[in-house]
N, C-alpha and C. Protein backbone atom coordinates (compact mmCIF):
# COMPACT_ATOMS: atom_id res chain seq x y z
N MET A 1 -10.55 -1.88 -6.84
CA MET A 1 -10.10 -3.09 -7.50
C MET A 1 -10.40 -2.98 -9.00
N CYS A 2 -9.44 -3.33 -9.81
CA CYS A 2 -9.62 -3.26 -11.25
C CYS A 2 -10.37 -4.50 -11.73
N PRO A 3 -11.19 -4.35 -12.79
CA PRO A 3 -11.89 -5.52 -13.32
C PRO A 3 -10.91 -6.48 -13.99
N ILE A 4 -11.02 -7.75 -13.64
CA ILE A 4 -10.13 -8.76 -14.22
C ILE A 4 -10.93 -10.00 -14.57
N GLN A 5 -10.34 -10.82 -15.42
CA GLN A 5 -10.88 -12.13 -15.78
C GLN A 5 -9.88 -13.18 -15.33
N ILE A 6 -10.37 -14.26 -14.74
CA ILE A 6 -9.48 -15.35 -14.34
C ILE A 6 -9.97 -16.63 -15.01
N ARG A 7 -9.03 -17.38 -15.55
CA ARG A 7 -9.34 -18.64 -16.20
C ARG A 7 -8.13 -19.55 -16.11
N ARG A 8 -8.34 -20.79 -16.51
CA ARG A 8 -7.23 -21.75 -16.58
C ARG A 8 -6.29 -21.30 -17.69
N ALA A 9 -5.00 -21.29 -17.42
CA ALA A 9 -4.00 -20.87 -18.40
C ALA A 9 -3.85 -21.94 -19.47
N ASP A 10 -3.44 -21.50 -20.67
CA ASP A 10 -3.19 -22.43 -21.76
C ASP A 10 -1.89 -22.05 -22.49
N ARG A 11 -1.56 -22.81 -23.51
CA ARG A 11 -0.29 -22.62 -24.24
C ARG A 11 -0.12 -21.20 -24.76
N GLY A 12 -1.19 -20.58 -25.18
CA GLY A 12 -1.11 -19.23 -25.71
C GLY A 12 -0.68 -18.21 -24.68
N ASP A 13 -0.75 -18.57 -23.40
CA ASP A 13 -0.38 -17.66 -22.31
C ASP A 13 1.10 -17.73 -21.95
N ILE A 14 1.83 -18.64 -22.57
CA ILE A 14 3.23 -18.86 -22.19
C ILE A 14 4.09 -17.60 -22.27
N PRO A 15 3.99 -16.76 -23.31
CA PRO A 15 4.82 -15.54 -23.30
C PRO A 15 4.58 -14.65 -22.08
N GLY A 16 3.33 -14.46 -21.70
CA GLY A 16 3.02 -13.66 -20.51
C GLY A 16 3.47 -14.33 -19.23
N ILE A 17 3.29 -15.64 -19.16
CA ILE A 17 3.75 -16.39 -17.98
C ILE A 17 5.26 -16.26 -17.85
N ASN A 18 5.98 -16.39 -18.97
CA ASN A 18 7.44 -16.25 -18.93
C ASN A 18 7.86 -14.88 -18.40
N ARG A 19 7.16 -13.84 -18.82
CA ARG A 19 7.47 -12.48 -18.36
C ARG A 19 7.35 -12.40 -16.83
N LEU A 20 6.28 -12.98 -16.30
CA LEU A 20 6.07 -12.94 -14.85
C LEU A 20 7.01 -13.89 -14.10
N LEU A 21 7.32 -15.03 -14.71
CA LEU A 21 8.28 -15.94 -14.07
C LEU A 21 9.62 -15.24 -13.86
N CYS A 22 10.03 -14.43 -14.83
CA CYS A 22 11.28 -13.67 -14.69
C CYS A 22 11.18 -12.65 -13.56
N GLN A 23 10.03 -12.00 -13.45
CA GLN A 23 9.85 -11.00 -12.37
C GLN A 23 9.97 -11.65 -11.00
N VAL A 24 9.27 -12.77 -10.81
CA VAL A 24 9.28 -13.39 -9.49
C VAL A 24 10.66 -13.98 -9.17
N LEU A 25 11.32 -14.50 -10.19
CA LEU A 25 12.67 -15.02 -9.96
C LEU A 25 13.61 -13.92 -9.50
N MET A 26 13.49 -12.74 -10.09
CA MET A 26 14.38 -11.64 -9.71
C MET A 26 14.13 -11.19 -8.26
N ILE A 27 12.90 -11.29 -7.80
CA ILE A 27 12.62 -11.00 -6.38
C ILE A 27 13.41 -11.97 -5.51
N HIS A 28 13.37 -13.24 -5.87
CA HIS A 28 14.09 -14.25 -5.09
C HIS A 28 15.60 -14.10 -5.26
N HIS A 29 16.06 -13.82 -6.47
CA HIS A 29 17.49 -13.62 -6.71
C HIS A 29 18.01 -12.43 -5.91
N ASN A 30 17.27 -11.34 -5.92
CA ASN A 30 17.70 -10.16 -5.17
C ASN A 30 17.71 -10.42 -3.67
N GLY A 31 16.77 -11.24 -3.20
CA GLY A 31 16.71 -11.55 -1.77
C GLY A 31 17.72 -12.60 -1.33
N ARG A 32 17.99 -13.58 -2.21
CA ARG A 32 18.90 -14.67 -1.87
C ARG A 32 19.74 -15.03 -3.10
N PRO A 33 20.68 -14.15 -3.50
CA PRO A 33 21.50 -14.45 -4.67
C PRO A 33 22.40 -15.67 -4.46
N ASP A 34 22.57 -16.09 -3.21
CA ASP A 34 23.36 -17.29 -2.94
C ASP A 34 22.59 -18.56 -3.34
N LEU A 35 21.28 -18.46 -3.49
CA LEU A 35 20.46 -19.62 -3.83
C LEU A 35 19.80 -19.54 -5.21
N PHE A 36 19.42 -18.33 -5.62
CA PHE A 36 18.67 -18.16 -6.87
C PHE A 36 19.51 -17.48 -7.94
N LYS A 37 19.56 -18.10 -9.10
CA LYS A 37 20.22 -17.50 -10.26
C LYS A 37 19.39 -16.32 -10.76
N GLY A 38 20.04 -15.38 -11.42
CA GLY A 38 19.33 -14.26 -12.03
C GLY A 38 19.17 -14.50 -13.51
N ASN A 39 18.31 -13.70 -14.12
CA ASN A 39 18.13 -13.71 -15.57
C ASN A 39 17.81 -15.08 -16.15
N THR A 40 16.92 -15.79 -15.50
CA THR A 40 16.44 -17.08 -15.99
C THR A 40 14.99 -17.21 -15.56
N LYS A 41 14.42 -18.37 -15.70
CA LYS A 41 13.05 -18.60 -15.25
C LYS A 41 12.94 -20.00 -14.68
N LYS A 42 11.87 -20.23 -13.95
CA LYS A 42 11.68 -21.47 -13.21
C LYS A 42 11.46 -22.68 -14.12
N TYR A 43 10.77 -22.49 -15.25
CA TYR A 43 10.42 -23.60 -16.13
C TYR A 43 10.83 -23.29 -17.57
N THR A 44 11.18 -24.34 -18.30
CA THR A 44 11.37 -24.19 -19.75
C THR A 44 9.99 -24.17 -20.40
N ASP A 45 9.93 -23.77 -21.66
CA ASP A 45 8.65 -23.78 -22.36
C ASP A 45 8.09 -25.20 -22.47
N THR A 46 8.94 -26.17 -22.66
CA THR A 46 8.50 -27.57 -22.73
C THR A 46 7.88 -27.99 -21.39
N GLU A 47 8.53 -27.63 -20.29
CA GLU A 47 7.98 -27.94 -18.97
C GLU A 47 6.65 -27.22 -18.75
N LEU A 48 6.56 -25.96 -19.20
CA LEU A 48 5.31 -25.21 -19.06
C LEU A 48 4.17 -25.89 -19.80
N ILE A 49 4.43 -26.35 -21.01
CA ILE A 49 3.39 -27.03 -21.79
C ILE A 49 2.89 -28.26 -21.03
N GLU A 50 3.81 -29.04 -20.47
CA GLU A 50 3.42 -30.23 -19.71
C GLU A 50 2.59 -29.85 -18.48
N ILE A 51 3.02 -28.82 -17.77
CA ILE A 51 2.29 -28.37 -16.58
C ILE A 51 0.89 -27.91 -16.97
N LEU A 52 0.77 -27.10 -18.01
CA LEU A 52 -0.51 -26.54 -18.43
C LEU A 52 -1.49 -27.61 -18.90
N GLN A 53 -0.99 -28.72 -19.39
CA GLN A 53 -1.86 -29.79 -19.89
C GLN A 53 -2.24 -30.81 -18.82
N ASN A 54 -1.66 -30.70 -17.64
CA ASN A 54 -1.85 -31.70 -16.59
C ASN A 54 -2.91 -31.22 -15.59
N ASP A 55 -3.97 -32.00 -15.42
CA ASP A 55 -5.02 -31.63 -14.47
C ASP A 55 -4.57 -31.68 -13.02
N LYS A 56 -3.43 -32.32 -12.74
CA LYS A 56 -2.90 -32.35 -11.37
C LYS A 56 -2.09 -31.10 -11.04
N THR A 57 -1.81 -30.28 -12.07
CA THR A 57 -1.03 -29.06 -11.86
C THR A 57 -1.74 -27.87 -12.53
N PRO A 58 -2.95 -27.53 -12.08
CA PRO A 58 -3.67 -26.43 -12.72
C PRO A 58 -2.96 -25.09 -12.53
N VAL A 59 -2.99 -24.29 -13.57
CA VAL A 59 -2.43 -22.94 -13.53
C VAL A 59 -3.55 -21.99 -13.89
N PHE A 60 -3.73 -20.98 -13.05
CA PHE A 60 -4.79 -20.00 -13.29
C PHE A 60 -4.15 -18.67 -13.66
N ALA A 61 -4.78 -17.99 -14.62
CA ALA A 61 -4.23 -16.75 -15.15
C ALA A 61 -5.26 -15.64 -14.99
N ALA A 62 -4.79 -14.48 -14.53
CA ALA A 62 -5.63 -13.29 -14.37
C ALA A 62 -5.28 -12.31 -15.48
N PHE A 63 -6.31 -11.84 -16.18
CA PHE A 63 -6.13 -10.93 -17.30
C PHE A 63 -6.87 -9.62 -17.06
N ASP A 64 -6.45 -8.59 -17.78
CA ASP A 64 -7.17 -7.33 -17.74
C ASP A 64 -8.58 -7.54 -18.29
N GLU A 65 -9.43 -6.52 -18.18
CA GLU A 65 -10.83 -6.69 -18.57
C GLU A 65 -11.00 -7.03 -20.05
N ASP A 66 -10.02 -6.71 -20.89
CA ASP A 66 -10.09 -7.07 -22.31
C ASP A 66 -9.62 -8.50 -22.56
N GLY A 67 -9.04 -9.14 -21.55
CA GLY A 67 -8.56 -10.51 -21.69
C GLY A 67 -7.28 -10.63 -22.49
N LYS A 68 -6.54 -9.54 -22.62
CA LYS A 68 -5.33 -9.55 -23.47
C LYS A 68 -4.03 -9.54 -22.69
N THR A 69 -3.98 -8.80 -21.60
CA THR A 69 -2.74 -8.65 -20.85
C THR A 69 -2.77 -9.51 -19.60
N LEU A 70 -1.77 -10.37 -19.46
CA LEU A 70 -1.67 -11.22 -18.27
C LEU A 70 -1.20 -10.37 -17.09
N LEU A 71 -2.01 -10.35 -16.04
CA LEU A 71 -1.70 -9.55 -14.85
C LEU A 71 -1.12 -10.39 -13.73
N GLY A 72 -1.39 -11.68 -13.74
CA GLY A 72 -0.88 -12.55 -12.68
C GLY A 72 -1.23 -13.99 -12.96
N TYR A 73 -0.61 -14.88 -12.19
CA TYR A 73 -0.88 -16.31 -12.33
C TYR A 73 -0.77 -16.98 -10.98
N ALA A 74 -1.33 -18.18 -10.91
CA ALA A 74 -1.17 -19.05 -9.73
C ALA A 74 -0.92 -20.47 -10.25
N PHE A 75 0.28 -20.99 -10.02
CA PHE A 75 0.62 -22.38 -10.33
C PHE A 75 0.20 -23.22 -9.13
N CYS A 76 -0.59 -24.24 -9.34
CA CYS A 76 -1.07 -25.08 -8.24
C CYS A 76 -0.73 -26.55 -8.49
N VAL A 77 -0.69 -27.31 -7.40
CA VAL A 77 -0.41 -28.74 -7.47
C VAL A 77 -1.31 -29.45 -6.46
N PHE A 78 -2.06 -30.44 -6.92
CA PHE A 78 -2.80 -31.27 -5.99
C PHE A 78 -1.84 -32.20 -5.27
N GLN A 79 -2.00 -32.31 -3.95
CA GLN A 79 -1.18 -33.21 -3.14
C GLN A 79 -2.10 -34.04 -2.27
N GLN A 80 -1.74 -35.30 -2.10
CA GLN A 80 -2.48 -36.18 -1.21
C GLN A 80 -1.57 -37.33 -0.80
N TYR A 81 -1.51 -37.60 0.48
CA TYR A 81 -0.65 -38.66 0.98
C TYR A 81 -1.54 -39.82 1.41
N THR A 82 -1.71 -40.77 0.51
CA THR A 82 -2.53 -41.94 0.84
C THR A 82 -1.63 -43.02 1.43
N ASP A 83 -2.18 -43.77 2.33
CA ASP A 83 -1.47 -44.88 2.97
C ASP A 83 -0.20 -44.45 3.70
N SER A 84 -0.18 -43.24 4.23
CA SER A 84 0.97 -42.77 5.00
C SER A 84 0.85 -43.28 6.44
N ASN A 85 1.98 -43.60 7.02
CA ASN A 85 1.98 -44.02 8.43
C ASN A 85 1.74 -42.87 9.38
N ILE A 86 2.06 -41.64 8.95
CA ILE A 86 1.96 -40.52 9.90
C ILE A 86 1.01 -39.41 9.46
N LEU A 87 0.71 -39.30 8.17
CA LEU A 87 -0.13 -38.19 7.69
C LEU A 87 -1.54 -38.68 7.38
N THR A 88 -2.51 -37.84 7.70
CA THR A 88 -3.88 -38.19 7.37
C THR A 88 -4.08 -38.04 5.86
N ASP A 89 -5.08 -38.70 5.36
CA ASP A 89 -5.35 -38.73 3.92
C ASP A 89 -6.25 -37.55 3.53
N VAL A 90 -5.67 -36.36 3.49
CA VAL A 90 -6.43 -35.19 3.07
C VAL A 90 -5.90 -34.72 1.72
N ARG A 91 -6.79 -34.14 0.95
CA ARG A 91 -6.44 -33.59 -0.37
C ARG A 91 -6.10 -32.12 -0.18
N THR A 92 -4.92 -31.73 -0.64
CA THR A 92 -4.43 -30.36 -0.49
C THR A 92 -4.21 -29.75 -1.87
N LEU A 93 -4.51 -28.48 -2.00
CA LEU A 93 -4.09 -27.74 -3.19
C LEU A 93 -2.94 -26.84 -2.76
N TYR A 94 -1.77 -27.14 -3.28
CA TYR A 94 -0.55 -26.39 -2.95
C TYR A 94 -0.35 -25.32 -4.02
N ILE A 95 -0.19 -24.08 -3.60
CA ILE A 95 0.14 -23.01 -4.52
C ILE A 95 1.65 -22.97 -4.65
N ASP A 96 2.13 -23.45 -5.78
CA ASP A 96 3.57 -23.54 -6.01
C ASP A 96 4.16 -22.17 -6.33
N ASP A 97 3.39 -21.31 -6.95
CA ASP A 97 3.89 -20.00 -7.35
C ASP A 97 2.70 -19.10 -7.61
N LEU A 98 2.69 -17.93 -7.01
CA LEU A 98 1.67 -16.93 -7.28
C LEU A 98 2.41 -15.63 -7.55
N CYS A 99 2.13 -15.02 -8.69
CA CYS A 99 2.82 -13.79 -9.05
C CYS A 99 1.84 -12.82 -9.68
N VAL A 100 1.96 -11.57 -9.30
CA VAL A 100 1.22 -10.47 -9.93
C VAL A 100 2.25 -9.55 -10.56
N ASP A 101 1.98 -9.13 -11.78
CA ASP A 101 2.87 -8.21 -12.48
C ASP A 101 3.20 -7.04 -11.57
N GLU A 102 4.49 -6.69 -11.52
CA GLU A 102 4.93 -5.64 -10.61
C GLU A 102 4.20 -4.32 -10.85
N ALA A 103 3.73 -4.08 -12.06
CA ALA A 103 3.01 -2.83 -12.37
C ALA A 103 1.58 -2.85 -11.83
N CYS A 104 1.08 -4.02 -11.45
CA CYS A 104 -0.32 -4.15 -11.00
C CYS A 104 -0.45 -4.45 -9.52
N ARG A 105 0.65 -4.58 -8.82
CA ARG A 105 0.57 -4.95 -7.40
C ARG A 105 -0.12 -3.86 -6.60
N GLY A 106 -0.89 -4.30 -5.62
CA GLY A 106 -1.62 -3.36 -4.77
C GLY A 106 -2.98 -2.97 -5.32
N HIS A 107 -3.42 -3.62 -6.40
CA HIS A 107 -4.71 -3.28 -7.01
C HIS A 107 -5.73 -4.41 -6.91
N GLY A 108 -5.48 -5.40 -6.07
CA GLY A 108 -6.44 -6.46 -5.82
C GLY A 108 -6.33 -7.68 -6.72
N VAL A 109 -5.38 -7.69 -7.64
CA VAL A 109 -5.23 -8.84 -8.55
C VAL A 109 -4.84 -10.09 -7.77
N GLY A 110 -3.87 -9.98 -6.89
CA GLY A 110 -3.42 -11.13 -6.10
C GLY A 110 -4.52 -11.67 -5.21
N ARG A 111 -5.26 -10.79 -4.58
CA ARG A 111 -6.38 -11.22 -3.73
C ARG A 111 -7.41 -11.97 -4.55
N ARG A 112 -7.77 -11.45 -5.70
CA ARG A 112 -8.77 -12.10 -6.56
C ARG A 112 -8.27 -13.46 -7.04
N LEU A 113 -6.99 -13.54 -7.42
CA LEU A 113 -6.42 -14.83 -7.83
C LEU A 113 -6.50 -15.83 -6.69
N TYR A 114 -6.10 -15.39 -5.50
CA TYR A 114 -6.11 -16.28 -4.33
C TYR A 114 -7.54 -16.74 -4.04
N GLU A 115 -8.49 -15.84 -4.08
CA GLU A 115 -9.89 -16.22 -3.83
C GLU A 115 -10.39 -17.20 -4.88
N TYR A 116 -9.96 -17.03 -6.11
CA TYR A 116 -10.33 -17.95 -7.19
C TYR A 116 -9.76 -19.34 -6.89
N VAL A 117 -8.51 -19.39 -6.47
CA VAL A 117 -7.86 -20.66 -6.13
C VAL A 117 -8.59 -21.33 -4.96
N LEU A 118 -8.97 -20.54 -3.94
CA LEU A 118 -9.71 -21.11 -2.81
C LEU A 118 -11.03 -21.74 -3.27
N ALA A 119 -11.76 -21.03 -4.11
CA ALA A 119 -13.05 -21.55 -4.61
C ALA A 119 -12.82 -22.83 -5.42
N PHE A 120 -11.79 -22.83 -6.26
CA PHE A 120 -11.45 -24.03 -7.04
C PHE A 120 -11.12 -25.20 -6.11
N ALA A 121 -10.35 -24.94 -5.07
CA ALA A 121 -9.96 -25.99 -4.12
C ALA A 121 -11.20 -26.56 -3.42
N ARG A 122 -12.11 -25.69 -3.03
CA ARG A 122 -13.34 -26.16 -2.38
C ARG A 122 -14.14 -27.06 -3.34
N ARG A 123 -14.30 -26.61 -4.58
CA ARG A 123 -15.05 -27.40 -5.57
C ARG A 123 -14.36 -28.73 -5.85
N SER A 124 -13.05 -28.76 -5.67
CA SER A 124 -12.26 -29.97 -5.96
C SER A 124 -12.15 -30.89 -4.76
N GLY A 125 -12.83 -30.57 -3.67
CA GLY A 125 -12.84 -31.44 -2.49
C GLY A 125 -11.59 -31.37 -1.65
N CYS A 126 -10.88 -30.25 -1.69
CA CYS A 126 -9.65 -30.11 -0.90
C CYS A 126 -9.96 -29.76 0.55
N TYR A 127 -9.11 -30.22 1.43
CA TYR A 127 -9.19 -29.91 2.85
C TYR A 127 -8.56 -28.55 3.14
N ASN A 128 -7.46 -28.24 2.42
CA ASN A 128 -6.75 -26.99 2.68
C ASN A 128 -6.01 -26.53 1.43
N VAL A 129 -5.53 -25.30 1.52
CA VAL A 129 -4.66 -24.71 0.50
C VAL A 129 -3.38 -24.30 1.22
N THR A 130 -2.25 -24.69 0.68
CA THR A 130 -0.97 -24.37 1.31
C THR A 130 -0.06 -23.69 0.30
N LEU A 131 0.99 -23.07 0.82
CA LEU A 131 2.02 -22.46 -0.01
C LEU A 131 3.25 -22.23 0.83
N ASN A 132 4.35 -21.99 0.17
CA ASN A 132 5.60 -21.59 0.83
C ASN A 132 5.92 -20.18 0.40
N VAL A 133 6.53 -19.41 1.28
CA VAL A 133 6.96 -18.06 0.93
C VAL A 133 8.36 -17.86 1.52
N TRP A 134 9.25 -17.30 0.71
CA TRP A 134 10.60 -17.02 1.17
C TRP A 134 10.57 -15.81 2.10
N ILE A 135 11.19 -15.92 3.23
CA ILE A 135 11.17 -14.87 4.25
C ILE A 135 11.81 -13.57 3.72
N CYS A 136 12.69 -13.68 2.74
CA CYS A 136 13.30 -12.48 2.16
C CYS A 136 12.31 -11.70 1.30
N ASN A 137 11.18 -12.31 0.95
CA ASN A 137 10.15 -11.64 0.16
C ASN A 137 9.11 -11.06 1.13
N GLU A 138 9.52 -10.00 1.81
CA GLU A 138 8.70 -9.42 2.89
C GLU A 138 7.33 -8.96 2.42
N SER A 139 7.24 -8.41 1.21
CA SER A 139 5.93 -7.95 0.74
C SER A 139 4.99 -9.13 0.52
N ALA A 140 5.51 -10.26 0.06
CA ALA A 140 4.67 -11.45 -0.11
C ALA A 140 4.22 -11.99 1.24
N VAL A 141 5.11 -11.99 2.22
CA VAL A 141 4.74 -12.44 3.57
C VAL A 141 3.58 -11.59 4.09
N ARG A 142 3.71 -10.27 3.97
CA ARG A 142 2.64 -9.37 4.44
C ARG A 142 1.34 -9.61 3.67
N PHE A 143 1.45 -9.81 2.36
CA PHE A 143 0.28 -10.07 1.53
C PHE A 143 -0.46 -11.31 2.01
N TYR A 144 0.26 -12.40 2.21
CA TYR A 144 -0.39 -13.64 2.64
C TYR A 144 -0.96 -13.51 4.05
N GLU A 145 -0.29 -12.79 4.92
CA GLU A 145 -0.84 -12.57 6.26
C GLU A 145 -2.15 -11.79 6.18
N LYS A 146 -2.23 -10.79 5.29
CA LYS A 146 -3.47 -10.02 5.13
C LYS A 146 -4.60 -10.90 4.62
N LEU A 147 -4.27 -11.92 3.85
CA LEU A 147 -5.28 -12.84 3.34
C LEU A 147 -5.73 -13.84 4.40
N GLY A 148 -5.06 -13.85 5.55
CA GLY A 148 -5.45 -14.74 6.64
C GLY A 148 -4.66 -16.03 6.73
N LEU A 149 -3.62 -16.17 5.91
CA LEU A 149 -2.80 -17.37 6.01
C LEU A 149 -1.95 -17.31 7.28
N THR A 150 -1.71 -18.48 7.85
CA THR A 150 -0.86 -18.58 9.03
C THR A 150 0.21 -19.64 8.78
N PRO A 151 1.34 -19.53 9.46
CA PRO A 151 2.40 -20.53 9.25
C PRO A 151 1.93 -21.94 9.58
N GLN A 152 2.28 -22.87 8.71
CA GLN A 152 2.01 -24.29 8.94
C GLN A 152 3.28 -24.99 9.42
N LYS A 153 4.38 -24.61 8.83
CA LYS A 153 5.69 -25.13 9.22
C LYS A 153 6.71 -24.09 8.84
N ILE A 154 7.89 -24.17 9.41
CA ILE A 154 8.94 -23.20 9.15
C ILE A 154 10.19 -23.95 8.71
N GLY A 155 10.75 -23.55 7.56
CA GLY A 155 12.01 -24.11 7.11
C GLY A 155 13.17 -23.30 7.70
N MET A 156 14.17 -23.96 8.18
CA MET A 156 15.29 -23.28 8.80
C MET A 156 16.58 -23.75 8.17
N GLU A 157 17.64 -22.95 8.29
CA GLU A 157 18.92 -23.31 7.68
C GLU A 157 20.08 -22.77 8.50
N THR A 158 21.23 -23.35 8.27
CA THR A 158 22.52 -22.84 8.69
C THR A 158 23.41 -22.81 7.45
N ILE A 159 23.93 -21.64 7.11
CA ILE A 159 24.82 -21.54 5.97
C ILE A 159 26.22 -21.87 6.45
N LEU A 160 26.86 -22.80 5.80
CA LEU A 160 28.19 -23.25 6.21
C LEU A 160 29.30 -22.51 5.50
């Protein structure tokens, strides 16, 4: 495992985040071009600034040992359903997006990021950590299974 530093992302990290957002989008575009556009990114810079400043949407960034090169990120969202008729009132940390630079995959960066997110969720009083993964992203499915994640629900479709 390579030495890395993980911290909360800030505005100065936006160029590196944008680079990785493009990488992860292309994985989804290549797997499902009928659903995902190519050559774009999930968030505008304005949206990124809002996300990075919001304590309800923490983003964690993994850097090389010098703290200069962004190796990966985890976009998270706190979720809680209070006063629901059917759901219990538990606090969840949802991983909206986790990406490791394609040049660094397989070197423990993703595992370390995930472990950091788990520790943060525990400190924040969360009951669980959840995420969604596209079935066309087979390497991500295998990665999450190796980390011990199990399916919570399955999304299904019929293309018309």
